[in-house]
């Protein structure tokens, strides 16, 4: 029986943590570990999930877990996998959980090296689109127009001026055995991809959108709905890369209102109609590429 939200095991491996109410990242970690089970060995760099999950004397993981250096998630996963394999241990999954900054900025070199070596690891990026743990600073995965403490919204500059880096396609360009995008708004899709990745030999990468109520300026009970809307509006897509091919997992028949999605979030409250129109145009250009390049 394939796993889904109804058939997922009841065991909990990430609980009692100190995450903010409505934290999308903690939901991503919790669900992934429920799929992987007690034989998963988790590596977490400096960031939200290590900050809320390792509070002395309380460890919030029911399986083995360790904090890595900020830049070293993938390299520590490599060491763990190689060390256990050298001891003849095979029934385990080395899995990393890193935020957008720890992945797309600080950790990209180690991740690229791990993919190049094709180490048998699973790397999951929980993307809340800024350095939330240290006060909501911009990362290279912060979307255009978003207000952060390092990209404030003023009279002349409306938040972040740069487009979000596409880590999924960057990872795929390495020729990785498996990569996927996901959203906590579509948990069955995420569960399926984690389960699938765990059965593939070599390096696997999953990039999941995980809203942060504190940094995004939304209510704590809106996290899952916002994570659905970012997909339904076309600003994030659910896809996989395997055997050199891109596959689109969900193609909305009609995109939901981008403006409505953006206006629900405090980080976009300053945007003008021209700003929103630019974001819509960028979305449409991206989907022209997706429709030509990805298979359904």
Protein backbone atom coordinates (compact mmCIF):
# COMPACT_ATOMS: atom_id res chain seq x y z
CA UNK A 1 0.00 0.00 0.00
CA UNK A 2 1.42 3.37 -0.99
CA UNK A 3 1.65 5.94 1.77
CA UNK A 4 -0.65 8.95 2.06
CA UNK A 5 -1.93 11.17 4.85
CA UNK A 6 -4.43 8.46 5.92
CA UNK A 7 -2.09 5.46 5.84
CA UNK A 8 0.97 7.21 7.32
CA UNK A 9 2.33 5.57 10.47
CA UNK A 10 1.20 6.97 13.81
CA UNK A 11 4.72 7.01 15.30
CA UNK A 12 6.15 10.47 15.88
CA UNK A 13 9.85 11.20 15.44
CA UNK A 14 9.81 15.02 15.75
CA UNK A 15 7.76 16.33 18.64
CA UNK A 16 7.92 18.65 21.63
CA UNK A 17 9.89 21.22 19.66
CA UNK A 18 9.85 24.97 20.24
CA UNK A 19 8.85 26.11 16.75
CA UNK A 20 6.52 29.05 16.32
CA UNK A 21 2.82 28.30 15.99
CA UNK A 22 1.95 27.42 12.40
CA UNK A 23 5.57 26.67 11.42
CA UNK A 24 5.68 25.11 7.96
CA UNK A 25 9.23 23.84 8.36
CA UNK A 26 8.41 21.76 11.42
CA UNK A 27 5.53 20.14 9.54
CA UNK A 28 7.85 19.21 6.66
CA UNK A 29 10.37 17.61 9.04
CA UNK A 30 7.68 15.79 11.02
CA UNK A 31 6.02 14.28 7.94
CA UNK A 32 9.29 13.29 6.27
CA UNK A 33 10.47 11.44 9.37
CA UNK A 34 7.13 9.67 9.71
CA UNK A 35 7.70 8.35 6.18
CA UNK A 36 11.36 7.39 6.73
CA UNK A 37 10.90 5.93 10.22
CA UNK A 38 13.25 5.13 13.08
CA UNK A 39 16.16 4.11 10.81
CA UNK A 40 16.49 7.65 9.46
CA UNK A 41 19.54 9.57 10.64
CA UNK A 42 18.86 13.29 10.46
CA UNK A 43 21.37 16.07 9.91
CA UNK A 44 20.32 19.67 10.50
CA UNK A 45 22.53 22.75 10.13
CA UNK A 46 22.18 26.02 12.01
CA UNK A 47 18.66 27.24 11.30
CA UNK A 48 15.10 27.12 12.48
CA UNK A 49 14.78 23.37 12.88
CA UNK A 50 18.03 22.91 14.79
CA UNK A 51 17.20 25.92 16.95
CA UNK A 52 13.80 24.54 17.92
CA UNK A 53 14.70 20.84 17.98
CA UNK A 54 17.88 20.76 20.08
CA UNK A 55 17.13 22.55 23.33
CA UNK A 56 19.26 21.20 26.18
CA UNK A 57 18.39 18.98 27.92
CA UNK A 58 15.55 18.14 25.52
CA UNK A 59 16.10 16.47 22.14
CA UNK A 60 12.97 16.60 20.01
CA UNK A 61 13.92 13.75 17.69
CA UNK A 62 12.83 10.15 18.21
CA UNK A 63 15.55 8.93 15.85
CA UNK A 64 19.27 9.74 15.66
CA UNK A 65 19.84 13.40 14.80
CA UNK A 66 22.81 15.76 14.82
CA UNK A 67 23.52 19.45 14.15
CA UNK A 68 26.03 20.18 11.39
CA UNK A 69 27.92 23.33 10.53
CA UNK A 70 25.85 25.83 8.58
CA UNK A 71 27.59 24.99 5.32
CA UNK A 72 28.07 21.29 5.96
CA UNK A 73 24.71 19.53 5.79
CA UNK A 74 25.51 17.54 2.66
CA UNK A 75 29.12 16.81 3.63
CA UNK A 76 28.06 15.48 7.04
CA UNK A 77 25.42 13.33 5.36
CA UNK A 78 28.20 11.98 3.13
CA UNK A 79 30.32 11.08 6.16
CA UNK A 80 27.47 9.39 8.01
CA UNK A 81 26.48 7.33 4.98
CA UNK A 82 30.06 6.27 4.26
CA UNK A 83 30.81 5.45 7.90
CA UNK A 84 27.76 3.25 8.38
CA UNK A 85 28.27 1.55 5.04
CA UNK A 86 31.88 0.77 6.02
CA UNK A 87 30.54 -1.01 9.09
CA UNK A 88 28.23 -3.15 6.97
CA UNK A 89 25.09 -1.29 8.07
CA UNK A 90 22.63 -0.85 5.21
CA UNK A 91 19.13 -0.43 6.68
CA UNK A 92 19.22 3.32 7.22
CA UNK A 93 18.50 6.60 5.43
CA UNK A 94 20.79 9.59 5.90
CA UNK A 95 18.53 12.62 5.52
CA UNK A 96 19.31 16.31 5.80
CA UNK A 97 16.87 19.10 6.61
CA UNK A 98 18.15 22.58 5.76
CA UNK A 99 16.47 25.92 5.19
CA UNK A 100 16.68 28.07 2.09
CA UNK A 101 19.73 30.02 3.27
CA UNK A 102 21.54 26.90 4.44
CA UNK A 103 20.83 25.30 1.05
CA UNK A 104 20.84 27.86 -1.76
CA UNK A 105 23.45 30.16 -0.22
CA UNK A 106 25.71 28.75 2.48
CA UNK A 107 25.35 25.03 1.76
CA UNK A 108 25.31 24.97 -2.04
CA UNK A 109 28.97 24.01 -2.46
CA UNK A 110 28.72 20.90 -0.24
CA UNK A 111 25.42 19.90 -1.85
CA UNK A 112 26.89 20.25 -5.34
CA UNK A 113 29.85 18.09 -4.33
CA UNK A 114 27.61 15.39 -2.87
CA UNK A 115 25.59 15.24 -6.09
CA UNK A 116 28.78 15.09 -8.14
CA UNK A 117 29.93 12.05 -6.11
CA UNK A 118 26.38 10.63 -6.20
CA UNK A 119 26.46 9.93 -2.46
CA UNK A 120 23.50 7.86 -1.28
CA UNK A 121 21.76 10.59 0.73
CA UNK A 122 18.45 12.44 0.83
CA UNK A 123 18.57 16.22 1.11
CA UNK A 124 15.35 18.11 1.95
CA UNK A 125 15.24 21.89 1.76
CA UNK A 126 12.39 23.42 3.76
CA UNK A 127 12.02 26.76 2.02
CA UNK A 128 10.48 29.61 4.01
CA UNK A 129 12.04 32.14 1.65
CA UNK A 130 14.30 34.06 4.06
CA UNK A 131 16.69 33.62 6.98
CA UNK A 132 13.85 33.40 9.49
CA UNK A 133 15.82 32.09 12.47
CA UNK A 134 18.02 35.19 12.65
CA UNK A 135 15.44 37.86 12.02
CA UNK A 136 13.98 37.57 8.49
CA UNK A 137 16.92 38.52 6.29
CA UNK A 138 16.87 38.00 2.52
CA UNK A 139 18.20 34.76 1.06
CA UNK A 140 18.64 33.94 -2.62
CA UNK A 141 15.29 32.14 -2.40
CA UNK A 142 13.41 35.25 -1.26
CA UNK A 143 10.88 36.09 -4.01
CA UNK A 144 10.75 39.36 -5.89
CA UNK A 145 9.04 42.15 -3.98
CA UNK A 146 9.19 40.52 -0.55
CA UNK A 147 9.94 42.79 2.38
CA UNK A 148 12.69 41.56 4.72
CA UNK A 149 14.93 43.31 7.24
CA UNK A 150 17.67 43.53 4.60
CA UNK A 151 15.34 44.35 1.71
CA UNK A 152 12.97 46.86 3.31
CA UNK A 153 10.08 48.37 1.40
CA UNK A 154 10.53 52.08 0.91
CA UNK A 155 9.30 54.88 -1.31
CA UNK A 156 11.65 54.06 -4.17
CA UNK A 157 12.48 50.37 -3.74
CA UNK A 158 9.65 47.91 -3.12
CA UNK A 159 11.35 45.13 -1.22
CA UNK A 160 13.57 42.49 -2.80
CA UNK A 161 14.67 43.37 -6.34
CA UNK A 162 15.91 39.91 -7.30
CA UNK A 163 14.00 36.90 -8.60
CA UNK A 164 13.98 33.68 -6.57
CA UNK A 165 16.79 31.27 -7.46
CA UNK A 166 15.50 28.01 -8.98
CA UNK A 167 17.26 25.39 -6.84
CA UNK A 168 15.24 22.52 -8.33
CA UNK A 169 16.53 23.20 -11.83
CA UNK A 170 20.06 23.95 -10.57
CA UNK A 171 20.16 20.56 -8.83
CA UNK A 172 18.67 18.84 -11.91
CA UNK A 173 21.42 20.39 -14.05
CA UNK A 174 23.89 18.23 -12.10
CA UNK A 175 22.25 15.09 -13.53
CA UNK A 176 21.04 14.03 -10.08
CA UNK A 177 19.22 10.65 -9.89
CA UNK A 178 16.10 12.24 -8.38
CA UNK A 179 14.88 15.72 -7.54
CA UNK A 180 11.43 17.05 -6.74
CA UNK A 181 9.50 20.08 -5.60
CA UNK A 182 6.74 19.95 -3.01
CA UNK A 183 4.52 22.07 -0.77
CA UNK A 184 3.14 21.46 2.70
CA UNK A 185 -0.18 22.47 1.16
CA UNK A 186 -0.14 19.18 -0.78
CA UNK A 187 1.08 16.67 1.76
CA UNK A 188 0.10 13.50 -0.13
CA UNK A 189 2.37 14.64 -2.97
CA UNK A 190 5.22 15.29 -0.52
CA UNK A 191 4.72 11.94 1.23
CA UNK A 192 4.83 10.11 -2.09
CA UNK A 193 8.04 11.87 -3.11
CA UNK A 194 9.83 11.20 0.19
CA UNK A 195 8.86 7.52 0.00
CA UNK A 196 9.99 7.32 -3.64
CA UNK A 197 13.28 9.08 -2.91
CA UNK A 198 14.06 6.70 -0.04
CA UNK A 199 14.05 3.78 -2.48
CA UNK A 200 16.39 5.34 -5.04
CA UNK A 201 20.14 4.77 -4.88
CA UNK A 202 22.31 7.88 -5.05
CA UNK A 203 21.70 11.53 -4.24
CA UNK A 204 18.11 12.70 -3.88
CA UNK A 205 16.85 16.26 -3.39
CA UNK A 206 13.38 17.51 -2.40
CA UNK A 207 12.58 21.21 -2.21
CA UNK A 208 9.43 21.94 -0.20
CA UNK A 209 7.71 25.29 0.25
CA UNK A 210 7.12 25.75 3.99
CA UNK A 211 5.53 29.11 4.90
CA UNK A 212 6.65 30.96 8.02
CA UNK A 213 3.80 32.94 9.64
CA UNK A 214 6.29 35.22 11.43
CA UNK A 215 8.28 36.15 8.34
CA UNK A 216 5.44 36.04 5.83
CA UNK A 217 3.03 38.07 7.90
CA UNK A 218 0.16 35.58 7.96
CA UNK A 219 -2.00 34.14 10.72
CA UNK A 220 -0.77 30.93 12.32
CA UNK A 221 -3.78 28.99 11.05
CA UNK A 222 -3.22 30.04 7.42
CA UNK A 223 0.05 28.20 6.77
CA UNK A 224 -1.35 25.21 4.89
CA UNK A 225 -3.83 27.28 2.89
CA UNK A 226 -1.13 29.74 1.80
CA UNK A 227 1.08 26.78 0.83
CA UNK A 228 -1.76 25.59 -1.42
CA UNK A 229 -2.34 29.01 -2.91
CA UNK A 230 1.29 29.49 -3.96
CA UNK A 231 0.87 26.35 -6.10
CA UNK A 232 -2.62 27.14 -7.35
CA UNK A 233 -1.58 30.66 -8.37
CA UNK A 234 1.30 29.27 -10.41
CA UNK A 235 4.05 30.92 -8.39
CA UNK A 236 5.35 27.48 -7.37
CA UNK A 237 5.07 24.23 -9.29
CA UNK A 238 5.05 20.57 -8.25
CA UNK A 239 7.43 18.54 -10.37
CA UNK A 240 10.03 15.77 -10.48
CA UNK A 241 13.32 15.21 -12.30
CA UNK A 242 14.38 11.65 -12.97
CA UNK A 243 16.30 9.86 -15.73
CA UNK A 244 17.10 13.16 -17.39
CA UNK A 245 13.45 14.21 -17.72
CA UNK A 246 11.22 16.75 -16.00
CA UNK A 247 7.69 15.70 -15.08
CA UNK A 248 4.99 18.13 -13.98
CA UNK A 249 2.81 16.69 -11.21
CA UNK A 250 0.09 19.31 -11.15
CA UNK A 251 -1.11 21.70 -13.86
CA UNK A 252 -3.85 24.09 -12.66
CA UNK A 253 -6.54 24.49 -15.31
CA UNK A 254 -6.65 28.16 -14.44
CA UNK A 255 -4.37 30.01 -12.05
CA UNK A 256 -5.91 31.50 -8.94
CA UNK A 257 -5.55 35.25 -8.34
CA UNK A 258 -1.89 36.17 -7.76
CA UNK A 259 -2.88 39.51 -6.25
CA UNK A 260 -5.15 37.85 -3.70
CA UNK A 261 -2.35 35.46 -2.69
CA UNK A 262 0.17 38.29 -2.27
CA UNK A 263 -2.14 40.68 -0.39
CA UNK A 264 -2.78 38.10 2.33
CA UNK A 265 0.86 38.39 3.41
CA UNK A 266 2.38 41.26 5.34
CA UNK A 267 5.68 40.92 3.47
CA UNK A 268 3.90 41.94 0.25
CA UNK A 269 1.53 44.55 1.66
CA UNK A 270 3.47 47.41 0.03
CA UNK A 271 3.25 46.11 -3.55
CA UNK A 272 1.61 48.27 -6.20
CA UNK A 273 -0.59 47.03 -9.03
CA UNK A 274 2.41 47.41 -11.34
CA UNK A 275 4.49 45.20 -9.04
CA UNK A 276 1.78 42.53 -9.03
CA UNK A 277 1.46 42.75 -12.81
CA UNK A 278 5.21 42.20 -13.14
CA UNK A 279 5.01 39.11 -10.90
CA UNK A 280 2.16 37.75 -13.04
CA UNK A 281 4.16 38.33 -16.21
CA UNK A 282 7.16 36.52 -14.72
CA UNK A 283 4.91 33.61 -13.75
CA UNK A 284 3.45 33.37 -17.26
CA UNK A 285 6.91 33.40 -18.84
CA UNK A 286 8.01 30.59 -16.53
CA UNK A 287 4.99 28.48 -17.36
CA UNK A 288 5.63 28.89 -21.08
CA UNK A 289 8.99 27.22 -20.41
CA UNK A 290 7.43 24.53 -18.19
CA UNK A 291 4.72 23.65 -20.74
CA UNK A 292 7.36 23.27 -23.47
CA UNK A 293 9.93 21.39 -21.38
CA UNK A 294 8.12 19.25 -18.79
CA UNK A 295 5.98 16.24 -19.51
CA UNK A 296 2.72 15.63 -17.67
